[in-house]
N, C-alpha and C. Protein backbone atom coordinates (compact mmCIF):
# COMPACT_ATOMS: atom_id res chain seq x y z
N LEU A 1 -0.77 -3.36 19.09
CA LEU A 1 -0.17 -2.28 19.84
C LEU A 1 0.97 -1.69 19.04
N PRO A 2 1.31 -0.44 19.30
CA PRO A 2 2.41 0.16 18.56
C PRO A 2 3.69 -0.62 18.77
N ARG A 3 4.49 -0.69 17.75
CA ARG A 3 5.76 -1.38 17.84
C ARG A 3 6.79 -0.43 18.45
N GLY A 4 7.36 -0.81 19.56
CA GLY A 4 8.33 0.05 20.24
C GLY A 4 9.75 -0.26 19.81
N LEU A 5 10.68 0.52 20.30
CA LEU A 5 12.08 0.27 20.04
C LEU A 5 12.47 -1.05 20.70
N PRO A 6 13.39 -1.82 20.07
CA PRO A 6 13.75 -3.13 20.62
C PRO A 6 14.16 -3.08 22.10
N GLN A 7 14.95 -2.08 22.48
CA GLN A 7 15.38 -2.01 23.88
C GLN A 7 14.20 -1.71 24.81
N THR A 8 13.23 -0.95 24.31
CA THR A 8 12.04 -0.65 25.11
C THR A 8 11.17 -1.88 25.27
N VAL A 9 10.97 -2.60 24.16
CA VAL A 9 10.13 -3.81 24.19
C VAL A 9 10.71 -4.84 25.14
N SER A 10 12.03 -5.05 25.10
CA SER A 10 12.63 -6.06 25.97
C SER A 10 12.51 -5.67 27.45
N SER A 11 12.49 -4.37 27.73
CA SER A 11 12.38 -3.94 29.13
C SER A 11 10.95 -4.08 29.67
N MET A 12 9.96 -4.23 28.77
CA MET A 12 8.57 -4.33 29.21
C MET A 12 8.27 -5.69 29.83
N GLY A 13 8.99 -6.70 29.40
CA GLY A 13 8.76 -8.02 29.95
C GLY A 13 7.33 -8.48 29.77
N SER A 14 6.70 -8.93 30.84
CA SER A 14 5.32 -9.43 30.76
C SER A 14 4.33 -8.47 31.39
N LYS A 15 4.66 -7.17 31.40
CA LYS A 15 3.76 -6.19 31.99
C LYS A 15 2.46 -6.12 31.22
N TYR A 16 1.41 -5.72 31.91
CA TYR A 16 0.11 -5.53 31.29
C TYR A 16 0.08 -4.21 30.52
N ILE A 17 -0.77 -4.13 29.50
CA ILE A 17 -0.91 -2.92 28.71
C ILE A 17 -1.23 -1.73 29.59
N SER A 18 -2.15 -1.90 30.50
CA SER A 18 -2.59 -0.79 31.33
C SER A 18 -1.49 -0.27 32.24
N GLU A 19 -0.42 -1.03 32.41
CA GLU A 19 0.72 -0.58 33.20
C GLU A 19 1.71 0.21 32.35
N LEU A 20 1.58 0.12 31.04
CA LEU A 20 2.55 0.72 30.13
C LEU A 20 2.07 2.02 29.52
N GLY A 21 0.84 2.43 29.76
CA GLY A 21 0.35 3.68 29.21
C GLY A 21 -0.02 3.60 27.75
N GLY A 22 -0.22 2.41 27.22
CA GLY A 22 -0.61 2.26 25.81
C GLY A 22 -2.12 2.23 25.68
N TRP A 23 -2.62 1.33 24.85
CA TRP A 23 -4.06 1.24 24.65
C TRP A 23 -4.74 0.92 25.97
N CYS A 24 -5.84 1.56 26.21
CA CYS A 24 -6.58 1.34 27.45
C CYS A 24 -8.06 1.49 27.16
N ILE A 25 -8.86 0.63 27.70
CA ILE A 25 -10.31 0.75 27.54
C ILE A 25 -10.86 1.20 28.88
N SER A 26 -11.73 2.20 28.85
CA SER A 26 -12.26 2.71 30.10
C SER A 26 -13.74 3.03 29.96
N ARG A 27 -14.41 3.16 31.09
CA ARG A 27 -15.83 3.52 31.10
C ARG A 27 -16.06 4.48 32.25
N ALA A 28 -16.38 5.72 31.91
CA ALA A 28 -16.72 6.74 32.90
C ALA A 28 -15.73 6.80 34.05
N GLY A 29 -14.46 6.71 33.72
CA GLY A 29 -13.43 6.84 34.74
C GLY A 29 -13.18 5.58 35.53
N GLU A 30 -13.93 4.53 35.28
CA GLU A 30 -13.71 3.28 35.99
C GLU A 30 -12.69 2.45 35.23
N SER A 31 -12.11 1.48 35.89
CA SER A 31 -11.08 0.66 35.26
C SER A 31 -11.47 -0.82 35.34
N TYR A 32 -11.11 -1.55 34.33
CA TYR A 32 -11.34 -2.99 34.34
C TYR A 32 -10.20 -3.71 35.04
N GLY A 33 -9.24 -2.99 35.53
CA GLY A 33 -8.09 -3.61 36.15
C GLY A 33 -7.05 -3.96 35.09
N THR A 34 -6.07 -4.74 35.45
CA THR A 34 -5.03 -5.09 34.50
C THR A 34 -5.53 -6.15 33.54
N TRP A 35 -5.09 -6.04 32.30
CA TRP A 35 -5.50 -6.99 31.28
C TRP A 35 -4.39 -7.11 30.25
N LYS A 36 -4.36 -8.23 29.55
CA LYS A 36 -3.29 -8.50 28.59
C LYS A 36 -3.83 -8.55 27.17
N CYS A 37 -2.97 -8.16 26.23
CA CYS A 37 -3.34 -8.19 24.81
C CYS A 37 -2.12 -8.59 23.99
N ASP A 38 -2.34 -9.33 22.91
CA ASP A 38 -1.26 -9.63 21.98
C ASP A 38 -0.75 -8.34 21.37
N ARG A 39 0.48 -8.37 20.87
CA ARG A 39 1.04 -7.21 20.17
C ARG A 39 0.43 -7.11 18.79
N LEU A 40 0.21 -5.87 18.34
CA LEU A 40 -0.35 -5.64 17.02
C LEU A 40 0.29 -4.37 16.44
N PRO A 41 1.21 -4.53 15.48
CA PRO A 41 1.85 -3.34 14.90
C PRO A 41 0.88 -2.56 14.02
N PHE A 42 0.96 -1.24 14.09
CA PHE A 42 0.17 -0.39 13.20
C PHE A 42 0.91 0.92 13.04
N ALA A 43 0.48 1.71 12.07
CA ALA A 43 1.17 2.96 11.76
C ALA A 43 0.16 4.03 11.40
N THR A 44 0.65 5.22 11.08
CA THR A 44 -0.22 6.31 10.66
C THR A 44 -1.08 5.86 9.50
N GLY A 45 -2.35 6.11 9.57
CA GLY A 45 -3.28 5.72 8.51
C GLY A 45 -3.87 4.34 8.68
N SER A 46 -3.41 3.57 9.66
CA SER A 46 -3.97 2.24 9.90
C SER A 46 -5.40 2.35 10.41
N VAL A 47 -6.21 1.38 10.04
CA VAL A 47 -7.57 1.30 10.55
C VAL A 47 -7.63 0.10 11.48
N LEU A 48 -8.00 0.34 12.73
CA LEU A 48 -8.11 -0.72 13.72
C LEU A 48 -9.58 -1.00 13.98
N GLU A 49 -9.94 -2.26 13.99
CA GLU A 49 -11.32 -2.67 14.26
C GLU A 49 -11.35 -3.40 15.59
N PHE A 50 -12.25 -2.98 16.48
CA PHE A 50 -12.38 -3.58 17.80
C PHE A 50 -13.69 -4.36 17.85
N ASP A 51 -13.61 -5.64 18.24
CA ASP A 51 -14.80 -6.48 18.36
C ASP A 51 -14.79 -7.08 19.77
N LEU A 52 -15.75 -6.69 20.59
CA LEU A 52 -15.81 -7.13 21.97
C LEU A 52 -16.81 -8.26 22.14
N ASP A 53 -16.36 -9.38 22.68
CA ASP A 53 -17.22 -10.52 22.97
C ASP A 53 -17.45 -10.55 24.48
N MET A 54 -18.61 -10.05 24.90
CA MET A 54 -18.90 -9.96 26.33
C MET A 54 -19.00 -11.32 27.00
N SER A 55 -19.45 -12.34 26.27
CA SER A 55 -19.63 -13.65 26.89
C SER A 55 -18.31 -14.27 27.33
N THR A 56 -17.23 -13.96 26.62
CA THR A 56 -15.92 -14.52 26.96
C THR A 56 -14.97 -13.47 27.53
N LYS A 57 -15.46 -12.21 27.63
CA LYS A 57 -14.63 -11.10 28.11
C LYS A 57 -13.35 -10.98 27.28
N THR A 58 -13.54 -11.07 25.97
CA THR A 58 -12.42 -11.04 25.04
C THR A 58 -12.61 -9.91 24.04
N LEU A 59 -11.55 -9.16 23.80
CA LEU A 59 -11.55 -8.10 22.81
C LEU A 59 -10.64 -8.51 21.66
N TYR A 60 -11.18 -8.45 20.44
CA TYR A 60 -10.38 -8.75 19.25
C TYR A 60 -10.07 -7.42 18.57
N VAL A 61 -8.81 -7.21 18.24
CA VAL A 61 -8.38 -6.00 17.55
C VAL A 61 -7.79 -6.43 16.22
N VAL A 62 -8.34 -5.88 15.12
CA VAL A 62 -7.90 -6.27 13.78
C VAL A 62 -7.31 -5.05 13.08
N CYS A 63 -6.17 -5.25 12.44
CA CYS A 63 -5.53 -4.21 11.63
C CYS A 63 -5.08 -4.88 10.34
N GLY A 64 -5.85 -4.69 9.27
CA GLY A 64 -5.53 -5.36 8.01
C GLY A 64 -5.68 -6.86 8.17
N LYS A 65 -4.60 -7.60 7.91
CA LYS A 65 -4.62 -9.06 8.04
C LYS A 65 -4.16 -9.52 9.42
N ASP A 66 -3.70 -8.58 10.25
CA ASP A 66 -3.21 -8.92 11.59
C ASP A 66 -4.33 -8.83 12.61
N ARG A 67 -4.26 -9.69 13.64
CA ARG A 67 -5.28 -9.70 14.68
C ARG A 67 -4.63 -9.91 16.03
N ALA A 68 -5.11 -9.18 17.02
CA ALA A 68 -4.64 -9.35 18.39
C ALA A 68 -5.84 -9.71 19.25
N VAL A 69 -5.57 -10.45 20.31
CA VAL A 69 -6.63 -10.87 21.23
C VAL A 69 -6.29 -10.32 22.62
N ALA A 70 -7.28 -9.69 23.25
CA ALA A 70 -7.10 -9.17 24.60
C ALA A 70 -8.09 -9.85 25.53
N HIS A 71 -7.62 -10.19 26.72
CA HIS A 71 -8.48 -10.81 27.73
C HIS A 71 -8.68 -9.82 28.87
N LEU A 72 -9.94 -9.49 29.15
CA LEU A 72 -10.30 -8.49 30.16
C LEU A 72 -11.10 -9.17 31.27
N PRO A 73 -10.44 -9.83 32.22
CA PRO A 73 -11.15 -10.61 33.22
C PRO A 73 -12.07 -9.79 34.11
N GLY A 74 -11.81 -8.50 34.28
CA GLY A 74 -12.63 -7.68 35.17
C GLY A 74 -13.86 -7.08 34.51
N LEU A 75 -14.11 -7.40 33.25
CA LEU A 75 -15.23 -6.85 32.50
C LEU A 75 -16.55 -7.43 33.01
N THR A 76 -17.56 -6.57 33.18
CA THR A 76 -18.88 -7.05 33.61
C THR A 76 -19.93 -6.66 32.58
N GLU A 77 -21.11 -7.24 32.68
CA GLU A 77 -22.20 -6.92 31.75
C GLU A 77 -22.55 -5.44 31.79
N ASP A 78 -22.45 -4.82 32.96
CA ASP A 78 -22.75 -3.39 33.08
C ASP A 78 -21.79 -2.54 32.26
N ASP A 79 -20.58 -3.02 32.07
CA ASP A 79 -19.57 -2.27 31.32
C ASP A 79 -19.90 -2.18 29.84
N ALA A 80 -20.74 -3.07 29.34
CA ALA A 80 -21.07 -3.08 27.91
C ALA A 80 -22.00 -1.93 27.54
N VAL A 81 -22.60 -1.27 28.52
CA VAL A 81 -23.57 -0.23 28.24
C VAL A 81 -22.93 1.04 27.69
N TYR A 82 -21.80 1.44 28.24
CA TYR A 82 -21.15 2.67 27.82
C TYR A 82 -19.68 2.42 27.47
N PRO A 83 -19.42 1.75 26.36
CA PRO A 83 -18.02 1.49 26.01
C PRO A 83 -17.34 2.76 25.53
N ALA A 84 -16.06 2.86 25.78
CA ALA A 84 -15.26 3.98 25.28
C ALA A 84 -13.84 3.51 25.09
N VAL A 85 -13.15 4.14 24.18
CA VAL A 85 -11.74 3.83 23.96
C VAL A 85 -10.96 5.11 24.19
N SER A 86 -9.97 5.07 25.04
CA SER A 86 -9.11 6.23 25.22
C SER A 86 -7.72 5.84 24.77
N MET A 87 -7.07 6.75 24.07
CA MET A 87 -5.76 6.43 23.52
C MET A 87 -4.69 7.37 24.06
N TYR A 88 -3.57 6.80 24.38
CA TYR A 88 -2.46 7.52 24.98
C TYR A 88 -1.75 8.41 23.97
N TYR A 89 -1.70 8.00 22.73
CA TYR A 89 -0.95 8.72 21.71
C TYR A 89 -1.78 9.84 21.10
N LEU A 90 -1.13 10.92 20.68
CA LEU A 90 -1.80 12.09 20.15
C LEU A 90 -2.32 11.88 18.73
N ASN A 91 -3.31 12.68 18.35
CA ASN A 91 -3.82 12.75 16.98
C ASN A 91 -4.39 11.45 16.44
N GLN A 92 -4.99 10.64 17.29
CA GLN A 92 -5.67 9.43 16.84
C GLN A 92 -7.17 9.69 16.89
N LYS A 93 -7.89 9.05 15.99
CA LYS A 93 -9.33 9.26 15.91
C LYS A 93 -10.05 7.93 16.09
N VAL A 94 -11.21 7.97 16.72
CA VAL A 94 -12.01 6.78 16.94
C VAL A 94 -13.40 7.02 16.36
N THR A 95 -13.91 6.03 15.63
CA THR A 95 -15.26 6.08 15.10
C THR A 95 -15.99 4.83 15.55
N PHE A 96 -17.17 4.98 16.12
CA PHE A 96 -17.98 3.84 16.52
C PHE A 96 -19.01 3.58 15.43
N VAL A 97 -19.07 2.33 14.97
CA VAL A 97 -20.03 1.96 13.91
C VAL A 97 -20.92 0.83 14.38
């Protein structure tokens, strides 16, 4: 996740990503509910790789040598059919491979 200002990070406490307006995974307007992810710093030009393990409802996000793990307890098998990534920040690009 983007690295915020120290005072901002401390005010976030243990809130979920989806409560903070940061990275969010969605499918056709539906929500997986609240979910948690490790912090992962990245910057302009960074390449993020997303690997979703449906059997454990776990999303791995890799940026260079850094890796974050997200747990999405509300994920169902039906959600794997139409995955999408929506990003809160401007001028970001997503490529599915």
